[in-house]
Amino acid sequence: MGRVVSAMLTTVTERIDADRLREDIIRKAWDDEAFRQRLMADPKQAIRDAFGIDIPEGHELQVVEETPTRHVLTIPPRPEDVSAVVVRPEAYWW
């Protein structure tokens, strides 16, 4: 029982870290036009340069800018298709 609770807490902590990272990337894109342009053109390199995070090979990252008239609906993978183990928090959402 304790191991299950511990694993759940780790997953929650990793999710919070991933959410915080996502917020930091968005905030930087809002505040730094040059970063926003790099993020749109080459997201993996822009994130590596600005945050020191390498997105693993084989993982695609697509950046889409919403506007007041363009909205993005993301359909995540089915829960049963996603591994319960998250190696790095930043890998949780991309």
PDB file of N, CA and C in Angstrom:
ATOM      1  N   MET A   1       0.833  -1.194   0.000  1.00  0.00           N
ATOM      2  CA  MET A   1       0.000   0.000   0.000  1.00  0.00           C
ATOM      3  C   MET A   1       0.875   1.254   0.000  1.00  0.00           C
ATOM      4  N   GLY A   2       1.903   1.290   0.835  1.00  0.00           N
ATOM      5  CA  GLY A   2       2.768   2.459   0.901  1.00  0.00           C
ATOM      6  C   GLY A   2       3.467   2.752  -0.418  1.00  0.00           C
ATOM      7  N   ARG A   3       3.876   1.701  -1.144  1.00  0.00           N
ATOM      8  CA  ARG A   3       4.554   1.888  -2.426  1.00  0.00           C
ATOM      9  C   ARG A   3       3.614   2.499  -3.448  1.00  0.00           C
ATOM     10  N   VAL A   4       2.354   2.089  -3.435  1.00  0.00           N
ATOM     11  CA  VAL A   4       1.377   2.634  -4.374  1.00  0.00           C
ATOM     12  C   VAL A   4       1.167   4.118  -4.096  1.00  0.00           C
ATOM     13  N   VAL A   5       0.994   4.472  -2.832  1.00  0.00           N
ATOM     14  CA  VAL A   5       0.805   5.874  -2.456  1.00  0.00           C
ATOM     15  C   VAL A   5       2.034   6.680  -2.847  1.00  0.00           C
ATOM     16  N   SER A   6       3.212   6.143  -2.591  1.00  0.00           N
ATOM     17  CA  SER A   6       4.447   6.830  -2.942  1.00  0.00           C
ATOM     18  C   SER A   6       4.530   7.050  -4.444  1.00  0.00           C
ATOM     19  N   ALA A   7       4.198   6.046  -5.238  1.00  0.00           N
ATOM     20  CA  ALA A   7       4.223   6.178  -6.701  1.00  0.00           C
ATOM     21  C   ALA A   7       3.217   7.226  -7.161  1.00  0.00           C
ATOM     22  N   MET A   8       2.045   7.251  -6.538  1.00  0.00           N
ATOM     23  CA  MET A   8       1.035   8.240  -6.913  1.00  0.00           C
ATOM     24  C   MET A   8       1.520   9.644  -6.604  1.00  0.00           C
ATOM     25  N   LEU A   9       2.145   9.823  -5.450  1.00  0.00           N
ATOM     26  CA  LEU A   9       2.644  11.143  -5.079  1.00  0.00           C
ATOM     27  C   LEU A   9       3.737  11.605  -6.034  1.00  0.00           C
ATOM     28  N   THR A  10       4.602  10.687  -6.449  1.00  0.00           N
ATOM     29  CA  THR A  10       5.651  11.027  -7.403  1.00  0.00           C
ATOM     30  C   THR A  10       5.029  11.489  -8.706  1.00  0.00           C
ATOM     31  N   THR A  11       4.007  10.786  -9.181  1.00  0.00           N
ATOM     32  CA  THR A  11       3.342  11.161 -10.422  1.00  0.00           C
ATOM     33  C   THR A  11       2.697  12.535 -10.288  1.00  0.00           C
ATOM     34  N   VAL A  12       2.050  12.811  -9.173  1.00  0.00           N
ATOM     35  CA  VAL A  12       1.431  14.115  -8.952  1.00  0.00           C
ATOM     36  C   VAL A  12       2.503  15.198  -8.917  1.00  0.00           C
ATOM     37  N   THR A  13       3.599  14.952  -8.228  1.00  0.00           N
ATOM     38  CA  THR A  13       4.697  15.917  -8.158  1.00  0.00           C
ATOM     39  C   THR A  13       5.268  16.173  -9.542  1.00  0.00           C
ATOM     40  N   GLU A  14       5.472  15.111 -10.315  1.00  0.00           N
ATOM     41  CA  GLU A  14       5.996  15.278 -11.665  1.00  0.00           C
ATOM     42  C   GLU A  14       5.032  16.081 -12.525  1.00  0.00           C
ATOM     43  N   ARG A  15       3.739  15.857 -12.365  1.00  0.00           N
ATOM     44  CA  ARG A  15       2.734  16.593 -13.140  1.00  0.00           C
ATOM     45  C   ARG A  15       2.773  18.075 -12.781  1.00  0.00           C
ATOM     46  N   ILE A  16       2.912  18.378 -11.498  1.00  0.00           N
ATOM     47  CA  ILE A  16       3.003  19.776 -11.059  1.00  0.00           C
ATOM     48  C   ILE A  16       4.243  20.417 -11.658  1.00  0.00           C
ATOM     49  N   ASP A  17       5.377  19.701 -11.644  1.00  0.00           N
ATOM     50  CA  ASP A  17       6.608  20.223 -12.244  1.00  0.00           C
ATOM     51  C   ASP A  17       6.433  20.457 -13.738  1.00  0.00           C
ATOM     52  N   ALA A  18       5.777  19.522 -14.431  1.00  0.00           N
ATOM     53  CA  ALA A  18       5.544  19.664 -15.872  1.00  0.00           C
ATOM     54  C   ALA A  18       4.635  20.853 -16.154  1.00  0.00           C
ATOM     55  N   ASP A  19       3.601  21.030 -15.344  1.00  0.00           N
ATOM     56  CA  ASP A  19       2.708  22.178 -15.516  1.00  0.00           C
ATOM     57  C   ASP A  19       3.462  23.488 -15.293  1.00  0.00           C
ATOM     58  N   ARG A  20       4.329  23.514 -14.303  1.00  0.00           N
ATOM     59  CA  ARG A  20       5.120  24.708 -14.013  1.00  0.00           C
ATOM     60  C   ARG A  20       6.053  25.017 -15.187  1.00  0.00           C
ATOM     61  N   LEU A  21       6.670  23.983 -15.749  1.00  0.00           N
ATOM     62  CA  LEU A  21       7.546  24.171 -16.900  1.00  0.00           C
ATOM     63  C   LEU A  21       6.757  24.715 -18.087  1.00  0.00           C
ATOM     64  N   ARG A  22       5.600  24.168 -18.340  1.00  0.00           N
ATOM     65  CA  ARG A  22       4.762  24.652 -19.438  1.00  0.00           C
ATOM     66  C   ARG A  22       4.432  26.134 -19.227  1.00  0.00           C
ATOM     67  N   GLU A  23       4.067  26.493 -18.018  1.00  0.00           N
ATOM     68  CA  GLU A  23       3.765  27.898 -17.706  1.00  0.00           C
ATOM     69  C   GLU A  23       4.985  28.784 -17.937  1.00  0.00           C
ATOM     70  N   ASP A  24       6.162  28.315 -17.544  1.00  0.00           N
ATOM     71  CA  ASP A  24       7.397  29.093 -17.741  1.00  0.00           C
ATOM     72  C   ASP A  24       7.684  29.305 -19.223  1.00  0.00           C
ATOM     73  N   ILE A  25       7.473  28.272 -20.025  1.00  0.00           N
ATOM     74  CA  ILE A  25       7.703  28.398 -21.471  1.00  0.00           C
ATOM     75  C   ILE A  25       6.731  29.396 -22.080  1.00  0.00           C
ATOM     76  N   ILE A  26       5.468  29.298 -21.721  1.00  0.00           N
ATOM     77  CA  ILE A  26       4.460  30.223 -22.247  1.00  0.00           C
ATOM     78  C   ILE A  26       4.761  31.651 -21.815  1.00  0.00           C
ATOM     79  N   ARG A  27       5.086  31.836 -20.549  1.00  0.00           N
ATOM     80  CA  ARG A  27       5.389  33.182 -20.038  1.00  0.00           C
ATOM     81  C   ARG A  27       6.581  33.784 -20.786  1.00  0.00           C
ATOM     82  N   LYS A  28       7.614  32.965 -21.016  1.00  0.00           N
ATOM     83  CA  LYS A  28       8.787  33.455 -21.740  1.00  0.00           C
ATOM     84  C   LYS A  28       8.415  33.820 -23.180  1.00  0.00           C
ATOM     85  N   ALA A  29       7.566  33.027 -23.802  1.00  0.00           N
ATOM     86  CA  ALA A  29       7.122  33.330 -25.169  1.00  0.00           C
ATOM     87  C   ALA A  29       6.330  34.635 -25.214  1.00  0.00           C
ATOM     88  N   TRP A  30       5.557  34.910 -24.195  1.00  0.00           N
ATOM     89  CA  TRP A  30       4.810  36.171 -24.138  1.00  0.00           C
ATOM     90  C   TRP A  30       5.749  37.359 -23.953  1.00  0.00           C
ATOM     91  N   ASP A  31       6.785  37.168 -23.135  1.00  0.00           N
ATOM     92  CA  ASP A  31       7.670  38.273 -22.760  1.00  0.00           C
ATOM     93  C   ASP A  31       8.852  38.486 -23.690  1.00  0.00           C
ATOM     94  N   ASP A  32       9.213  37.474 -24.475  1.00  0.00           N
ATOM     95  CA  ASP A  32      10.440  37.519 -25.276  1.00  0.00           C
ATOM     96  C   ASP A  32      10.099  37.128 -26.720  1.00  0.00           C
ATOM     97  N   GLU A  33       9.944  38.130 -27.570  1.00  0.00           N
ATOM     98  CA  GLU A  33       9.536  37.895 -28.958  1.00  0.00           C
ATOM     99  C   GLU A  33      10.538  37.014 -29.709  1.00  0.00           C
ATOM    100  N   ALA A  34      11.817  37.207 -29.476  1.00  0.00           N
ATOM    101  CA  ALA A  34      12.828  36.397 -30.155  1.00  0.00           C
ATOM    102  C   ALA A  34      12.684  34.926 -29.754  1.00  0.00           C
ATOM    103  N   PHE A  35      12.453  34.675 -28.463  1.00  0.00           N
ATOM    104  CA  PHE A  35      12.238  33.300 -28.014  1.00  0.00           C
ATOM    105  C   PHE A  35      10.975  32.721 -28.649  1.00  0.00           C
ATOM    106  N   ARG A  36       9.913  33.510 -28.699  1.00  0.00           N
ATOM    107  CA  ARG A  36       8.654  33.042 -29.297  1.00  0.00           C
ATOM    108  C   ARG A  36       8.874  32.616 -30.745  1.00  0.00           C
ATOM    109  N   GLN A  37       9.628  33.418 -31.494  1.00  0.00           N
ATOM    110  CA  GLN A  37       9.913  33.086 -32.887  1.00  0.00           C
ATOM    111  C   GLN A  37      10.719  31.782 -32.985  1.00  0.00           C
ATOM    112  N   ARG A  38      11.723  31.628 -32.127  1.00  0.00           N
ATOM    113  CA  ARG A  38      12.521  30.389 -32.125  1.00  0.00           C
ATOM    114  C   ARG A  38      11.663  29.193 -31.725  1.00  0.00           C
ATOM    115  N   LEU A  39      10.796  29.404 -30.737  1.00  0.00           N
ATOM    116  CA  LEU A  39       9.908  28.343 -30.271  1.00  0.00           C
ATOM    117  C   LEU A  39       8.982  27.880 -31.395  1.00  0.00           C
ATOM    118  N   MET A  40       8.470  28.810 -32.164  1.00  0.00           N
ATOM    119  CA  MET A  40       7.583  28.470 -33.277  1.00  0.00           C
ATOM    120  C   MET A  40       8.358  27.734 -34.383  1.00  0.00           C
ATOM    121  N   ALA A  41       9.587  28.152 -34.645  1.00  0.00           N
ATOM    122  CA  ALA A  41      10.375  27.585 -35.733  1.00  0.00           C
ATOM    123  C   ALA A  41      11.025  26.246 -35.370  1.00  0.00           C
ATOM    124  N   ASP A  42      11.550  26.144 -34.162  1.00  0.00           N
ATOM    125  CA  ASP A  42      12.282  24.939 -33.743  1.00  0.00           C
ATOM    126  C   ASP A  42      12.096  24.758 -32.238  1.00  0.00           C
ATOM    127  N   PRO A  43      10.951  24.197 -31.832  1.00  0.00           N
ATOM    128  CA  PRO A  43      10.625  24.126 -30.406  1.00  0.00           C
ATOM    129  C   PRO A  43      11.640  23.372 -29.555  1.00  0.00           C
ATOM    130  N   LYS A  44      12.136  22.253 -30.046  1.00  0.00           N
ATOM    131  CA  LYS A  44      13.089  21.477 -29.249  1.00  0.00           C
ATOM    132  C   LYS A  44      14.354  22.280 -28.956  1.00  0.00           C
ATOM    133  N   GLN A  45      14.882  22.934 -29.978  1.00  0.00           N
ATOM    134  CA  GLN A  45      16.107  23.717 -29.788  1.00  0.00           C
ATOM    135  C   GLN A  45      15.856  24.932 -28.905  1.00  0.00           C
ATOM    136  N   ALA A  46      14.723  25.596 -29.100  1.00  0.00           N
ATOM    137  CA  ALA A  46      14.398  26.780 -28.292  1.00  0.00           C
ATOM    138  C   ALA A  46      14.291  26.415 -26.811  1.00  0.00           C
ATOM    139  N   ILE A  47      13.656  25.298 -26.515  1.00  0.00           N
ATOM    140  CA  ILE A  47      13.505  24.858 -25.126  1.00  0.00           C
ATOM    141  C   ILE A  47      14.851  24.414 -24.560  1.00  0.00           C
ATOM    142  N   ARG A  48      15.647  23.740 -25.382  1.00  0.00           N
ATOM    143  CA  ARG A  48      16.983  23.327 -24.941  1.00  0.00           C
ATOM    144  C   ARG A  48      17.823  24.558 -24.601  1.00  0.00           C
ATOM    145  N   ASP A  49      17.809  25.551 -25.492  1.00  0.00           N
ATOM    146  CA  ASP A  49      18.612  26.757 -25.280  1.00  0.00           C
ATOM    147  C   ASP A  49      18.149  27.560 -24.061  1.00  0.00           C
ATOM    148  N   ALA A  50      16.844  27.701 -23.894  1.00  0.00           N
ATOM    149  CA  ALA A  50      16.320  28.565 -22.838  1.00  0.00           C
ATOM    150  C   ALA A  50      16.215  27.885 -21.475  1.00  0.00           C
ATOM    151  N   PHE A  51      15.955  26.580 -21.479  1.00  0.00           N
ATOM    152  CA  PHE A  51      15.681  25.897 -20.211  1.00  0.00           C
ATOM    153  C   PHE A  51      16.621  24.729 -19.924  1.00  0.00           C
ATOM    154  N   GLY A  52      17.497  24.400 -20.879  1.00  0.00           N
ATOM    155  CA  GLY A  52      18.430  23.303 -20.670  1.00  0.00           C
ATOM    156  C   GLY A  52      17.786  21.935 -20.668  1.00  0.00           C
ATOM    157  N   ILE A  53      16.643  21.808 -21.318  1.00  0.00           N
ATOM    158  CA  ILE A  53      15.910  20.547 -21.328  1.00  0.00           C
ATOM    159  C   ILE A  53      15.973  19.958 -22.734  1.00  0.00           C
ATOM    160  N   ASP A  54      16.411  18.716 -22.822  1.00  0.00           N
ATOM    161  CA  ASP A  54      16.447  18.000 -24.085  1.00  0.00           C
ATOM    162  C   ASP A  54      15.200  17.150 -24.211  1.00  0.00           C
ATOM    163  N   ILE A  55      14.466  17.344 -25.268  1.00  0.00           N
ATOM    164  CA  ILE A  55      13.307  16.505 -25.547  1.00  0.00           C
ATOM    165  C   ILE A  55      13.836  15.287 -26.304  1.00  0.00           C
ATOM    166  N   PRO A  56      13.501  14.102 -25.848  1.00  0.00           N
ATOM    167  CA  PRO A  56      14.090  12.889 -26.432  1.00  0.00           C
ATOM    168  C   PRO A  56      13.799  12.736 -27.923  1.00  0.00           C
ATOM    169  N   GLU A  57      14.756  12.087 -28.610  1.00  0.00           N
ATOM    170  CA  GLU A  57      14.551  11.732 -30.012  1.00  0.00           C
ATOM    171  C   GLU A  57      13.292  10.871 -30.101  1.00  0.00           C
ATOM    172  N   GLY A  58      12.608  11.003 -31.182  1.00  0.00           N
ATOM    173  CA  GLY A  58      11.392  10.220 -31.374  1.00  0.00           C
ATOM    174  C   GLY A  58      10.157  10.885 -30.810  1.00  0.00           C
ATOM    175  N   HIS A  59      10.338  11.994 -30.083  1.00  0.00           N
ATOM    176  CA  HIS A  59       9.206  12.750 -29.556  1.00  0.00           C
ATOM    177  C   HIS A  59       9.075  14.022 -30.379  1.00  0.00           C
ATOM    178  N   GLU A  60       7.913  14.211 -30.933  1.00  0.00           N
ATOM    179  CA  GLU A  60       7.641  15.402 -31.732  1.00  0.00           C
ATOM    180  C   GLU A  60       6.991  16.454 -30.836  1.00  0.00           C
ATOM    181  N   LEU A  61       7.363  17.684 -31.021  1.00  0.00           N
ATOM    182  CA  LEU A  61       6.758  18.782 -30.276  1.00  0.00           C
ATOM    183  C   LEU A  61       6.270  19.805 -31.282  1.00  0.00           C
ATOM    184  N   GLN A  62       4.995  20.051 -31.265  1.00  0.00           N
ATOM    185  CA  GLN A  62       4.400  21.015 -32.178  1.00  0.00           C
ATOM    186  C   GLN A  62       3.892  22.193 -31.365  1.00  0.00           C
ATOM    187  N   VAL A  63       4.293  23.395 -31.753  1.00  0.00           N
ATOM    188  CA  VAL A  63       3.848  24.604 -31.077  1.00  0.00           C
ATOM    189  C   VAL A  63       2.833  25.293 -31.981  1.00  0.00           C
ATOM    190  N   VAL A  64       1.673  25.562 -31.430  1.00  0.00           N
ATOM    191  CA  VAL A  64       0.608  26.230 -32.167  1.00  0.00           C
ATOM    192  C   VAL A  64       0.191  27.444 -31.363  1.00  0.00           C
ATOM    193  N   GLU A  65       0.171  28.581 -32.012  1.00  0.00           N
ATOM    194  CA  GLU A  65      -0.203  29.812 -31.326  1.00  0.00           C
ATOM    195  C   GLU A  65      -1.698  30.060 -31.489  1.00  0.00           C
ATOM    196  N   GLU A  66      -2.383  30.149 -30.364  1.00  0.00           N
ATOM    197  CA  GLU A  66      -3.799  30.489 -30.403  1.00  0.00           C
ATOM    198  C   GLU A  66      -3.947  31.993 -30.569  1.00  0.00           C
ATOM    199  N   THR A  67      -5.052  32.386 -31.166  1.00  0.00           N
ATOM    200  CA  THR A  67      -5.388  33.808 -31.307  1.00  0.00           C
ATOM    201  C   THR A  67      -6.826  33.972 -30.827  1.00  0.00           C
ATOM    202  N   PRO A  68      -7.321  35.193 -30.782  1.00  0.00           N
ATOM    203  CA  PRO A  68      -8.725  35.360 -30.372  1.00  0.00           C
ATOM    204  C   PRO A  68      -9.713  34.612 -31.263  1.00  0.00           C
ATOM    205  N   THR A  69      -9.305  34.297 -32.513  1.00  0.00           N
ATOM    206  CA  THR A  69     -10.226  33.599 -33.412  1.00  0.00           C
ATOM    207  C   THR A  69      -9.747  32.196 -33.812  1.00  0.00           C
ATOM    208  N   ARG A  70      -8.577  31.771 -33.358  1.00  0.00           N
ATOM    209  CA  ARG A  70      -8.078  30.424 -33.650  1.00  0.00           C
ATOM    210  C   ARG A  70      -7.871  29.697 -32.330  1.00  0.00           C
ATOM    211  N   HIS A  71      -8.528  28.572 -32.209  1.00  0.00           N
ATOM    212  CA  HIS A  71      -8.466  27.789 -30.977  1.00  0.00           C
ATOM    213  C   HIS A  71      -7.905  26.413 -31.287  1.00  0.00           C
ATOM    214  N   VAL A  72      -7.247  25.817 -30.314  1.00  0.00           N
ATOM    215  CA  VAL A  72      -6.616  24.517 -30.497  1.00  0.00           C
ATOM    216  C   VAL A  72      -7.256  23.523 -29.536  1.00  0.00           C
ATOM    217  N   LEU A  73      -7.656  22.399 -30.086  1.00  0.00           N
ATOM    218  CA  LEU A  73      -8.187  21.304 -29.281  1.00  0.00           C
ATOM    219  C   LEU A  73      -7.191  20.162 -29.379  1.00  0.00           C
ATOM    220  N   THR A  74      -6.614  19.784 -28.259  1.00  0.00           N
ATOM    221  CA  THR A  74      -5.639  18.702 -28.225  1.00  0.00           C
ATOM    222  C   THR A  74      -6.310  17.444 -27.690  1.00  0.00           C
ATOM    223  N   ILE A  75      -6.192  16.382 -28.450  1.00  0.00           N
ATOM    224  CA  ILE A  75      -6.735  15.100 -28.017  1.00  0.00           C
ATOM    225  C   ILE A  75      -5.559  14.274 -27.489  1.00  0.00           C
ATOM    226  N   PRO A  76      -5.508  14.059 -26.187  1.00  0.00           N
ATOM    227  CA  PRO A  76      -4.384  13.295 -25.614  1.00  0.00           C
ATOM    228  C   PRO A  76      -4.518  11.817 -25.929  1.00  0.00           C
ATOM    229  N   PRO A  77      -3.435  11.061 -25.724  1.00  0.00           N
ATOM    230  CA  PRO A  77      -3.534   9.612 -25.925  1.00  0.00           C
ATOM    231  C   PRO A  77      -4.478   9.002 -24.894  1.00  0.00           C
ATOM    232  N   ARG A  78      -5.029   7.868 -25.258  1.00  0.00           N
ATOM    233  CA  ARG A  78      -5.887   7.148 -24.304  1.00  0.00           C
ATOM    234  C   ARG A  78      -5.062   6.797 -23.077  1.00  0.00           C
ATOM    235  N   PRO A  79      -5.649   6.882 -21.894  1.00  0.00           N
ATOM    236  CA  PRO A  79      -4.901   6.570 -20.663  1.00  0.00           C
ATOM    237  C   PRO A  79      -4.262   5.181 -20.696  1.00  0.00           C
ATOM    238  N   GLU A  80      -4.954   4.209 -21.282  1.00  0.00           N
ATOM    239  CA  GLU A  80      -4.392   2.852 -21.303  1.00  0.00           C
ATOM    240  C   GLU A  80      -3.231   2.719 -22.283  1.00  0.00           C
ATOM    241  N   ASP A  81      -3.043   3.723 -23.152  1.00  0.00           N
ATOM    242  CA  ASP A  81      -1.937   3.704 -24.105  1.00  0.00           C
ATOM    243  C   ASP A  81      -0.695   4.417 -23.580  1.00  0.00           C
ATOM    244  N   VAL A  82      -0.789   5.032 -22.404  1.00  0.00           N
ATOM    245  CA  VAL A  82       0.315   5.794 -21.840  1.00  0.00           C
ATOM    246  C   VAL A  82       0.928   5.025 -20.686  1.00  0.00           C
ATOM    247  N   SER A  83       2.238   4.951 -20.673  1.00  0.00           N
ATOM    248  CA  SER A  83       2.941   4.269 -19.587  1.00  0.00           C
ATOM    249  C   SER A  83       2.695   5.014 -18.282  1.00  0.00           C
ATOM    250  N   ALA A  84       2.559   4.274 -17.207  1.00  0.00           N
ATOM    251  CA  ALA A  84       2.363   4.882 -15.888  1.00  0.00           C
ATOM    252  C   ALA A  84       3.660   5.475 -15.354  1.00  0.00           C
ATOM    253  N   VAL A  85       4.780   5.101 -15.944  1.00  0.00           N
ATOM    254  CA  VAL A  85       6.069   5.591 -15.465  1.00  0.00           C
ATOM    255  C   VAL A  85       6.482   6.800 -16.288  1.00  0.00           C
ATOM    256  N   VAL A  86       6.753   7.898 -15.599  1.00  0.00           N
ATOM    257  CA  VAL A  86       7.230   9.111 -16.251  1.00  0.00           C
ATOM    258  C   VAL A  86       8.664   9.306 -15.795  1.00  0.00           C
ATOM    259  N   VAL A  87       9.576   9.264 -16.755  1.00  0.00           N
ATOM    260  CA  VAL A  87      10.984   9.349 -16.411  1.00  0.00           C
ATOM    261  C   VAL A  87      11.372  10.760 -16.021  1.00  0.00           C
ATOM    262  N   ARG A  88      10.887  11.759 -16.770  1.00  0.00           N
ATOM    263  CA  ARG A  88      11.227  13.152 -16.496  1.00  0.00           C
ATOM    264  C   ARG A  88       9.954  13.972 -16.538  1.00  0.00           C
ATOM    265  N   PRO A  89       9.780  14.918 -15.642  1.00  0.00           N
ATOM    266  CA  PRO A  89       8.555  15.710 -15.617  1.00  0.00           C
ATOM    267  C   PRO A  89       8.275  16.407 -16.938  1.00  0.00           C
ATOM    268  N   GLU A  90       9.299  16.928 -17.595  1.00  0.00           N
ATOM    269  CA  GLU A  90       9.054  17.657 -18.832  1.00  0.00           C
ATOM    270  C   GLU A  90       8.569  16.755 -19.950  1.00  0.00           C
ATOM    271  N   ALA A  91       8.786  15.450 -19.825  1.00  0.00           N
ATOM    272  CA  ALA A  91       8.325  14.518 -20.846  1.00  0.00           C
ATOM    273  C   ALA A  91       6.846  14.173 -20.658  1.00  0.00           C
ATOM    274  N   TYR A  92       6.256  14.568 -19.553  1.00  0.00           N
ATOM    275  CA  TYR A  92       4.891  14.194 -19.227  1.00  0.00           C
ATOM    276  C   TYR A  92       3.881  14.764 -20.208  1.00  0.00           C
ATOM    277  N   TRP A  93       4.109  15.939 -20.729  1.00  0.00           N
ATOM    278  CA  TRP A  93       3.091  16.565 -21.562  1.00  0.00           C
ATOM    279  C   TRP A  93       3.480  16.714 -23.014  1.00  0.00           C
ATOM    280  N   TRP A  94       4.584  16.157 -23.440  1.00  0.00           N
ATOM    281  CA  TRP A  94       4.845  16.157 -24.878  1.00  0.00           C
ATOM    282  C   TRP A  94       5.375  14.859 -25.360  1.00  0.00           C
TER     283      TRP A  94
END
